[in-house]
PDB file of all heavy atoms in Angstrom:
ATOM      1  N   GLU A   1       0.833  -1.198   0.009  1.00  0.00           N
ATOM      2  CA  GLU A   1      -0.005   0.003  -0.001  1.00  0.00           C
ATOM      3  C   GLU A   1       0.880   1.239  -0.001  1.00  0.00           C
ATOM      4  O   GLU A   1       1.958   1.260   0.551  1.00  0.00           O
ATOM      5  CB  GLU A   1      -0.912   0.031   1.243  1.00  0.00           C
ATOM      6  CG  GLU A   1      -1.878  -1.103   1.337  1.00  0.00           C
ATOM      7  CD  GLU A   1      -2.899  -1.091   0.211  1.00  0.00           C
ATOM      8  OE1 GLU A   1      -3.160  -0.013  -0.381  1.00  0.00           O
ATOM      9  OE2 GLU A   1      -3.430  -2.169  -0.075  1.00  0.00           O
ATOM     10  N   ASN A   2       0.328   2.302  -0.591  1.00  0.00           N
ATOM     11  CA  ASN A   2       1.013   3.568  -0.522  1.00  0.00           C
ATOM     12  C   ASN A   2       1.050   4.008   0.944  1.00  0.00           C
ATOM     13  O   ASN A   2       0.011   4.058   1.609  1.00  0.00           O
ATOM     14  CB  ASN A   2       0.271   4.588  -1.392  1.00  0.00           C
ATOM     15  CG  ASN A   2       0.924   5.941  -1.309  1.00  0.00           C
ATOM     16  OD1 ASN A   2       0.775   6.653  -0.346  1.00  0.00           O
ATOM     17  ND2 ASN A   2       1.677   6.246  -2.356  1.00  0.00           N
ATOM     18  N   THR A   3       2.203   4.329   1.444  1.00  0.00           N
ATOM     19  CA  THR A   3       2.351   4.706   2.848  1.00  0.00           C
ATOM     20  C   THR A   3       1.505   5.922   3.207  1.00  0.00           C
ATOM     21  O   THR A   3       0.949   5.966   4.302  1.00  0.00           O
ATOM     22  CB  THR A   3       3.853   4.957   3.175  1.00  0.00           C
ATOM     23  OG1 THR A   3       4.585   3.798   2.785  1.00  0.00           O
ATOM     24  CG2 THR A   3       4.050   5.209   4.647  1.00  0.00           C
ATOM     25  N   ASP A   4       1.419   6.904   2.301  1.00  0.00           N
ATOM     26  CA  ASP A   4       0.605   8.097   2.591  1.00  0.00           C
ATOM     27  C   ASP A   4      -0.855   7.725   2.829  1.00  0.00           C
ATOM     28  O   ASP A   4      -1.510   8.259   3.735  1.00  0.00           O
ATOM     29  CB  ASP A   4       0.678   9.106   1.429  1.00  0.00           C
ATOM     30  CG  ASP A   4       2.048   9.673   1.215  1.00  0.00           C
ATOM     31  OD1 ASP A   4       2.876   9.615   2.143  1.00  0.00           O
ATOM     32  OD2 ASP A   4       2.305  10.194   0.114  1.00  0.00           O
ATOM     33  N   ILE A   5      -1.388   6.827   2.028  1.00  0.00           N
ATOM     34  CA  ILE A   5      -2.781   6.415   2.179  1.00  0.00           C
ATOM     35  C   ILE A   5      -2.952   5.623   3.466  1.00  0.00           C
ATOM     36  O   ILE A   5      -3.883   5.841   4.239  1.00  0.00           O
ATOM     37  CB  ILE A   5      -3.274   5.618   0.942  1.00  0.00           C
ATOM     38  CG1 ILE A   5      -3.305   6.556  -0.286  1.00  0.00           C
ATOM     39  CG2 ILE A   5      -4.642   4.996   1.196  1.00  0.00           C
ATOM     40  CD1 ILE A   5      -3.637   5.884  -1.588  1.00  0.00           C
ATOM     41  N   LYS A   6      -2.037   4.692   3.711  1.00  0.00           N
ATOM     42  CA  LYS A   6      -2.095   3.895   4.948  1.00  0.00           C
ATOM     43  C   LYS A   6      -2.028   4.815   6.162  1.00  0.00           C
ATOM     44  O   LYS A   6      -2.826   4.681   7.107  1.00  0.00           O
ATOM     45  CB  LYS A   6      -0.955   2.895   4.971  1.00  0.00           C
ATOM     46  CG  LYS A   6      -0.911   2.049   6.219  1.00  0.00           C
ATOM     47  CD  LYS A   6       0.273   1.098   6.209  1.00  0.00           C
ATOM     48  CE  LYS A   6       0.335   0.358   7.532  1.00  0.00           C
ATOM     49  NZ  LYS A   6       1.502  -0.495   7.649  1.00  0.00           N
ATOM     50  N   ASP A   7      -1.121   5.770   6.161  1.00  0.00           N
ATOM     51  CA  ASP A   7      -0.997   6.696   7.277  1.00  0.00           C
ATOM     52  C   ASP A   7      -2.262   7.529   7.465  1.00  0.00           C
ATOM     53  O   ASP A   7      -2.731   7.730   8.594  1.00  0.00           O
ATOM     54  CB  ASP A   7       0.200   7.631   7.110  1.00  0.00           C
ATOM     55  CG  ASP A   7       1.540   6.904   7.239  1.00  0.00           C
ATOM     56  OD1 ASP A   7       1.560   5.729   7.721  1.00  0.00           O
ATOM     57  OD2 ASP A   7       2.568   7.497   6.860  1.00  0.00           O
ATOM     58  N   PHE A   8      -2.829   8.004   6.364  1.00  0.00           N
ATOM     59  CA  PHE A   8      -4.072   8.786   6.446  1.00  0.00           C
ATOM     60  C   PHE A   8      -5.175   7.954   7.096  1.00  0.00           C
ATOM     61  O   PHE A   8      -5.868   8.408   8.011  1.00  0.00           O
ATOM     62  CB  PHE A   8      -4.512   9.282   5.070  1.00  0.00           C
ATOM     63  CG  PHE A   8      -5.877   9.921   5.107  1.00  0.00           C
ATOM     64  CD1 PHE A   8      -6.021  11.227   5.549  1.00  0.00           C
ATOM     65  CD2 PHE A   8      -7.007   9.205   4.737  1.00  0.00           C
ATOM     66  CE1 PHE A   8      -7.294  11.821   5.604  1.00  0.00           C
ATOM     67  CE2 PHE A   8      -8.259   9.780   4.788  1.00  0.00           C
ATOM     68  CZ  PHE A   8      -8.404  11.091   5.225  1.00  0.00           C
ATOM     69  N   MET A   9      -5.355   6.746   6.613  1.00  0.00           N
ATOM     70  CA  MET A   9      -6.425   5.903   7.138  1.00  0.00           C
ATOM     71  C   MET A   9      -6.225   5.562   8.612  1.00  0.00           C
ATOM     72  O   MET A   9      -7.173   5.576   9.384  1.00  0.00           O
ATOM     73  CB  MET A   9      -6.543   4.617   6.299  1.00  0.00           C
ATOM     74  CG  MET A   9      -6.947   4.821   4.860  1.00  0.00           C
ATOM     75  SD  MET A   9      -8.523   5.675   4.649  1.00  0.00           S
ATOM     76  CE  MET A   9      -9.656   4.424   5.288  1.00  0.00           C
ATOM     77  N   ASN A  10      -4.993   5.310   8.999  1.00  0.00           N
ATOM     78  CA  ASN A  10      -4.744   4.925  10.386  1.00  0.00           C
ATOM     79  C   ASN A  10      -4.656   6.103  11.346  1.00  0.00           C
ATOM     80  O   ASN A  10      -5.014   5.950  12.524  1.00  0.00           O
ATOM     81  CB  ASN A  10      -3.473   4.071  10.461  1.00  0.00           C
ATOM     82  CG  ASN A  10      -3.687   2.694   9.899  1.00  0.00           C
ATOM     83  OD1 ASN A  10      -4.688   2.057  10.162  1.00  0.00           O
ATOM     84  ND2 ASN A  10      -2.746   2.234   9.087  1.00  0.00           N
ATOM     85  N   ASP A  11      -4.188   7.249  10.882  1.00  0.00           N
ATOM     86  CA  ASP A  11      -3.956   8.376  11.788  1.00  0.00           C
ATOM     87  C   ASP A  11      -5.122   9.357  11.888  1.00  0.00           C
ATOM     88  O   ASP A  11      -5.214  10.101  12.878  1.00  0.00           O
ATOM     89  CB  ASP A  11      -2.715   9.153  11.339  1.00  0.00           C
ATOM     90  CG  ASP A  11      -1.443   8.313  11.422  1.00  0.00           C
ATOM     91  OD1 ASP A  11      -1.443   7.274  12.122  1.00  0.00           O
ATOM     92  OD2 ASP A  11      -0.438   8.689  10.771  1.00  0.00           O
ATOM     93  N   SER A  12      -6.004   9.386  10.925  1.00  0.00           N
ATOM     94  CA  SER A  12      -7.125  10.325  10.950  1.00  0.00           C
ATOM     95  C   SER A  12      -8.104   9.994  12.081  1.00  0.00           C
ATOM     96  O   SER A  12      -8.228   8.850  12.520  1.00  0.00           O
ATOM     97  CB  SER A  12      -7.897  10.287   9.626  1.00  0.00           C
ATOM     98  OG  SER A  12      -7.095  10.742   8.581  1.00  0.00           O
ATOM     99  N   ARG A  13      -8.828  11.011  12.488  1.00  0.00           N
ATOM    100  CA  ARG A  13      -9.936  10.812  13.434  1.00  0.00           C
ATOM    101  C   ARG A  13     -11.037  10.056  12.681  1.00  0.00           C
ATOM    102  O   ARG A  13     -11.345  10.379  11.528  1.00  0.00           O
ATOM    103  CB  ARG A  13     -10.467  12.162  13.916  1.00  0.00           C
ATOM    104  CG  ARG A  13     -11.625  12.035  14.859  1.00  0.00           C
ATOM    105  CD  ARG A  13     -12.121  13.387  15.303  1.00  0.00           C
ATOM    106  NE  ARG A  13     -13.236  13.233  16.230  1.00  0.00           N
ATOM    107  CZ  ARG A  13     -14.190  14.119  16.390  1.00  0.00           C
ATOM    108  NH1 ARG A  13     -14.177  15.251  15.715  1.00  0.00           N
ATOM    109  NH2 ARG A  13     -15.162  13.904  17.259  1.00  0.00           N
ATOM    110  N   LYS A  14     -11.592   9.038  13.334  1.00  0.00           N
ATOM    111  CA  LYS A  14     -12.637   8.219  12.712  1.00  0.00           C
ATOM    112  C   LYS A  14     -13.852   8.234  13.615  1.00  0.00           C
ATOM    113  O   LYS A  14     -13.763   7.895  14.798  1.00  0.00           O
ATOM    114  CB  LYS A  14     -12.126   6.803  12.496  1.00  0.00           C
ATOM    115  CG  LYS A  14     -11.031   6.740  11.431  1.00  0.00           C
ATOM    116  CD  LYS A  14     -10.292   5.421  11.419  1.00  0.00           C
ATOM    117  CE  LYS A  14      -9.177   5.326  12.399  1.00  0.00           C
ATOM    118  NZ  LYS A  14      -8.034   6.197  12.231  1.00  0.00           N
ATOM    119  N   ILE A  15     -14.993   8.625  13.044  1.00  0.00           N
ATOM    120  CA  ILE A  15     -16.253   8.625  13.777  1.00  0.00           C
ATOM    121  C   ILE A  15     -17.140   7.573  13.131  1.00  0.00           C
ATOM    122  O   ILE A  15     -17.372   7.599  11.915  1.00  0.00           O
ATOM    123  CB  ILE A  15     -16.926  10.007  13.720  1.00  0.00           C
ATOM    124  CG1 ILE A  15     -16.009  11.043  14.407  1.00  0.00           C
ATOM    125  CG2 ILE A  15     -18.313   9.957  14.376  1.00  0.00           C
ATOM    126  CD1 ILE A  15     -16.447  12.465  14.256  1.00  0.00           C
ATOM    127  N   VAL A  16     -17.633   6.653  13.948  1.00  0.00           N
ATOM    128  CA  VAL A  16     -18.435   5.544  13.459  1.00  0.00           C
ATOM    129  C   VAL A  16     -19.875   5.719  13.972  1.00  0.00           C
ATOM    130  O   VAL A  16     -20.092   5.769  15.180  1.00  0.00           O
ATOM    131  CB  VAL A  16     -17.887   4.196  13.975  1.00  0.00           C
ATOM    132  CG1 VAL A  16     -18.633   3.039  13.325  1.00  0.00           C
ATOM    133  CG2 VAL A  16     -16.407   4.096  13.765  1.00  0.00           C
ATOM    134  N   PHE A  17     -20.808   5.799  13.053  1.00  0.00           N
ATOM    135  CA  PHE A  17     -22.217   5.867  13.435  1.00  0.00           C
ATOM    136  C   PHE A  17     -22.730   4.425  13.412  1.00  0.00           C
ATOM    137  O   PHE A  17     -22.860   3.812  12.369  1.00  0.00           O
ATOM    138  CB  PHE A  17     -23.022   6.724  12.461  1.00  0.00           C
ATOM    139  CG  PHE A  17     -22.599   8.180  12.511  1.00  0.00           C
ATOM    140  CD1 PHE A  17     -21.797   8.710  11.506  1.00  0.00           C
ATOM    141  CD2 PHE A  17     -22.986   8.986  13.544  1.00  0.00           C
ATOM    142  CE1 PHE A  17     -21.392  10.036  11.552  1.00  0.00           C
ATOM    143  CE2 PHE A  17     -22.590  10.326  13.600  1.00  0.00           C
ATOM    144  CZ  PHE A  17     -21.796  10.850  12.598  1.00  0.00           C
ATOM    145  N   SER A  18     -23.015   3.910  14.603  1.00  0.00           N
ATOM    146  CA  SER A  18     -23.470   2.528  14.701  1.00  0.00           C
ATOM    147  C   SER A  18     -24.261   2.334  15.983  1.00  0.00           C
ATOM    148  O   SER A  18     -23.817   2.728  17.058  1.00  0.00           O
ATOM    149  CB  SER A  18     -22.276   1.570  14.705  1.00  0.00           C
ATOM    150  OG  SER A  18     -22.703   0.243  14.907  1.00  0.00           O
ATOM    151  N   LYS A  19     -25.399   1.694  15.838  1.00  0.00           N
ATOM    152  CA  LYS A  19     -26.238   1.367  17.012  1.00  0.00           C
ATOM    153  C   LYS A  19     -25.821   0.033  17.628  1.00  0.00           C
ATOM    154  O   LYS A  19     -26.167  -0.265  18.759  1.00  0.00           O
ATOM    155  CB  LYS A  19     -27.701   1.306  16.619  1.00  0.00           C
ATOM    156  CG  LYS A  19     -28.261   2.646  16.200  1.00  0.00           C
ATOM    157  CD  LYS A  19     -29.682   2.550  15.749  1.00  0.00           C
ATOM    158  CE  LYS A  19     -30.150   3.916  15.282  1.00  0.00           C
ATOM    159  NZ  LYS A  19     -31.507   3.902  14.740  1.00  0.00           N
ATOM    160  N   THR A  20     -25.062  -0.765  16.863  1.00  0.00           N
ATOM    161  CA  THR A  20     -24.729  -2.117  17.358  1.00  0.00           C
ATOM    162  C   THR A  20     -23.265  -2.283  17.757  1.00  0.00           C
ATOM    163  O   THR A  20     -22.958  -3.129  18.590  1.00  0.00           O
ATOM    164  CB  THR A  20     -25.050  -3.155  16.271  1.00  0.00           C
ATOM    165  OG1 THR A  20     -24.327  -2.855  15.083  1.00  0.00           O
ATOM    166  CG2 THR A  20     -26.541  -3.173  15.976  1.00  0.00           C
ATOM    167  N   LEU A  21     -22.374  -1.502  17.182  1.00  0.00           N
ATOM    168  CA  LEU A  21     -20.947  -1.622  17.501  1.00  0.00           C
ATOM    169  C   LEU A  21     -20.727  -1.155  18.954  1.00  0.00           C
ATOM    170  O   LEU A  21     -21.183  -0.076  19.317  1.00  0.00           O
ATOM    171  CB  LEU A  21     -20.124  -0.788  16.527  1.00  0.00           C
ATOM    172  CG  LEU A  21     -18.662  -1.103  16.362  1.00  0.00           C
ATOM    173  CD1 LEU A  21     -18.457  -2.536  15.877  1.00  0.00           C
ATOM    174  CD2 LEU A  21     -18.039  -0.139  15.379  1.00  0.00           C
ATOM    175  N   GLU A  22     -20.052  -1.949  19.737  1.00  0.00           N
ATOM    176  CA  GLU A  22     -19.843  -1.639  21.163  1.00  0.00           C
ATOM    177  C   GLU A  22     -18.461  -1.065  21.450  1.00  0.00           C
ATOM    178  O   GLU A  22     -18.297  -0.325  22.404  1.00  0.00           O
ATOM    179  CB  GLU A  22     -20.066  -2.892  22.013  1.00  0.00           C
ATOM    180  CG  GLU A  22     -21.496  -3.408  21.977  1.00  0.00           C
ATOM    181  CD  GLU A  22     -22.503  -2.408  22.541  1.00  0.00           C
ATOM    182  OE1 GLU A  22     -22.161  -1.674  23.498  1.00  0.00           O
ATOM    183  OE2 GLU A  22     -23.645  -2.365  22.007  1.00  0.00           O
ATOM    184  N   SER A  23     -17.472  -1.431  20.648  1.00  0.00           N
ATOM    185  CA  SER A  23     -16.118  -0.950  20.923  1.00  0.00           C
ATOM    186  C   SER A  23     -15.345  -0.826  19.616  1.00  0.00           C
ATOM    187  O   SER A  23     -15.741  -1.376  18.584  1.00  0.00           O
ATOM    188  CB  SER A  23     -15.401  -1.884  21.883  1.00  0.00           C
ATOM    189  OG  SER A  23     -15.207  -3.147  21.282  1.00  0.00           O
ATOM    190  N   THR A  24     -14.236  -0.107  19.676  1.00  0.00           N
ATOM    191  CA  THR A  24     -13.363   0.039  18.540  1.00  0.00           C
ATOM    192  C   THR A  24     -11.927  -0.296  18.949  1.00  0.00           C
ATOM    193  O   THR A  24     -11.505   0.014  20.060  1.00  0.00           O
ATOM    194  CB  THR A  24     -13.379   1.498  18.013  1.00  0.00           C
ATOM    195  OG1 THR A  24     -12.924   2.380  19.055  1.00  0.00           O
ATOM    196  CG2 THR A  24     -14.764   1.919  17.575  1.00  0.00           C
ATOM    197  N   ASP A  25     -11.225  -0.937  18.048  1.00  0.00           N
ATOM    198  CA  ASP A  25      -9.814  -1.252  18.276  1.00  0.00           C
ATOM    199  C   ASP A  25      -8.890  -0.385  17.429  1.00  0.00           C
ATOM    200  O   ASP A  25      -7.706  -0.320  17.667  1.00  0.00           O
ATOM    201  CB  ASP A  25      -9.533  -2.726  17.960  1.00  0.00           C
ATOM    202  CG  ASP A  25     -10.234  -3.651  18.954  1.00  0.00           C
ATOM    203  OD1 ASP A  25     -10.465  -3.247  20.107  1.00  0.00           O
ATOM    204  OD2 ASP A  25     -10.555  -4.779  18.556  1.00  0.00           O
ATOM    205  N   TRP A  26      -9.435   0.205  16.378  1.00  0.00           N
ATOM    206  CA  TRP A  26      -8.657   1.012  15.444  1.00  0.00           C
ATOM    207  C   TRP A  26      -8.391   2.363  16.085  1.00  0.00           C
ATOM    208  O   TRP A  26      -9.337   3.025  16.543  1.00  0.00           O
ATOM    209  CB  TRP A  26      -9.436   1.134  14.157  1.00  0.00           C
ATOM    210  CG  TRP A  26      -8.681   1.579  12.951  1.00  0.00           C
ATOM    211  CD1 TRP A  26      -7.335   1.757  12.819  1.00  0.00           C
ATOM    212  CD2 TRP A  26      -9.272   1.888  11.686  1.00  0.00           C
ATOM    213  NE1 TRP A  26      -7.041   2.160  11.544  1.00  0.00           N
ATOM    214  CE2 TRP A  26      -8.216   2.239  10.832  1.00  0.00           C
ATOM    215  CE3 TRP A  26     -10.559   1.914  11.207  1.00  0.00           C
ATOM    216  CZ2 TRP A  26      -8.423   2.624   9.518  1.00  0.00           C
ATOM    217  CZ3 TRP A  26     -10.774   2.279   9.904  1.00  0.00           C
ATOM    218  CH2 TRP A  26      -9.714   2.642   9.065  1.00  0.00           C
ATOM    219  N   ASN A  27      -7.131   2.792  16.108  1.00  0.00           N
ATOM    220  CA  ASN A  27      -6.789   4.031  16.800  1.00  0.00           C
ATOM    221  C   ASN A  27      -7.551   5.237  16.261  1.00  0.00           C
ATOM    222  O   ASN A  27      -7.970   5.259  15.108  1.00  0.00           O
ATOM    223  CB  ASN A  27      -5.269   4.280  16.743  1.00  0.00           C
ATOM    224  CG  ASN A  27      -4.749   4.493  15.331  1.00  0.00           C
ATOM    225  OD1 ASN A  27      -5.140   3.769  14.419  1.00  0.00           O
ATOM    226  ND2 ASN A  27      -3.901   5.465  15.163  1.00  0.00           N
ATOM    227  N   ASN A  28      -7.763   6.218  17.125  1.00  0.00           N
ATOM    228  CA  ASN A  28      -8.462   7.467  16.827  1.00  0.00           C
ATOM    229  C   ASN A  28      -9.911   7.260  16.388  1.00  0.00           C
ATOM    230  O   ASN A  28     -10.422   8.048  15.599  1.00  0.00           O
ATOM    231  CB  ASN A  28      -7.703   8.281  15.755  1.00  0.00           C
ATOM    232  CG  ASN A  28      -6.294   8.606  16.175  1.00  0.00           C
ATOM    233  OD1 ASN A  28      -6.028   8.903  17.336  1.00  0.00           O
ATOM    234  ND2 ASN A  28      -5.366   8.512  15.235  1.00  0.00           N
ATOM    235  N   SER A  29     -10.547   6.206  16.876  1.00  0.00           N
ATOM    236  CA  SER A  29     -11.925   5.910  16.498  1.00  0.00           C
ATOM    237  C   SER A  29     -12.844   6.126  17.687  1.00  0.00           C
ATOM    238  O   SER A  29     -12.491   5.825  18.837  1.00  0.00           O
ATOM    239  CB  SER A  29     -12.061   4.457  16.052  1.00  0.00           C
ATOM    240  OG  SER A  29     -11.304   4.207  14.912  1.00  0.00           O
ATOM    241  N   GLU A  30     -14.038   6.625  17.390  1.00  0.00           N
ATOM    242  CA  GLU A  30     -15.078   6.747  18.408  1.00  0.00           C
ATOM    243  C   GLU A  30     -16.422   6.367  17.802  1.00  0.00           C
ATOM    244  O   GLU A  30     -16.646   6.538  16.620  1.00  0.00           O
ATOM    245  CB  GLU A  30     -15.126   8.159  18.970  1.00  0.00           C
ATOM    246  CG  GLU A  30     -15.539   9.227  17.987  1.00  0.00           C
ATOM    247  CD  GLU A  30     -15.549  10.624  18.559  1.00  0.00           C
ATOM    248  OE1 GLU A  30     -16.518  10.983  19.271  1.00  0.00           O
ATOM    249  OE2 GLU A  30     -14.592  11.357  18.303  1.00  0.00           O
ATOM    250  N   ILE A  31     -17.278   5.827  18.642  1.00  0.00           N
ATOM    251  CA  ILE A  31     -18.609   5.409  18.216  1.00  0.00           C
ATOM    252  C   ILE A  31     -19.635   6.444  18.657  1.00  0.00           C
ATOM    253  O   ILE A  31     -19.609   6.888  19.808  1.00  0.00           O
ATOM    254  CB  ILE A  31     -18.974   4.037  18.821  1.00  0.00           C
ATOM    255  CG1 ILE A  31     -17.973   2.977  18.373  1.00  0.00           C
ATOM    256  CG2 ILE A  31     -20.405   3.637  18.455  1.00  0.00           C
ATOM    257  CD1 ILE A  31     -18.085   1.671  19.122  1.00  0.00           C
ATOM    258  N   ILE A  32     -20.506   6.777  17.751  1.00  0.00           N
ATOM    259  CA  ILE A  32     -21.658   7.625  18.066  1.00  0.00           C
ATOM    260  C   ILE A  32     -22.893   6.809  17.657  1.00  0.00           C
ATOM    261  O   ILE A  32     -22.984   6.347  16.522  1.00  0.00           O
ATOM    262  CB  ILE A  32     -21.615   8.988  17.335  1.00  0.00           C
ATOM    263  CG1 ILE A  32     -20.369   9.770  17.758  1.00  0.00           C
ATOM    264  CG2 ILE A  32     -22.881   9.763  17.583  1.00  0.00           C
ATOM    265  CD1 ILE A  32     -20.176  11.096  17.051  1.00  0.00           C
TER     266      ILE A  32
END
């Protein structure tokens, strides 16, 4: 993978809209 794309995906803030997901393991992720 292109390192820039991999870094963007892993380092960016991630907001997950989910009624069923209970936890996240991916860094910088939060569930709403």
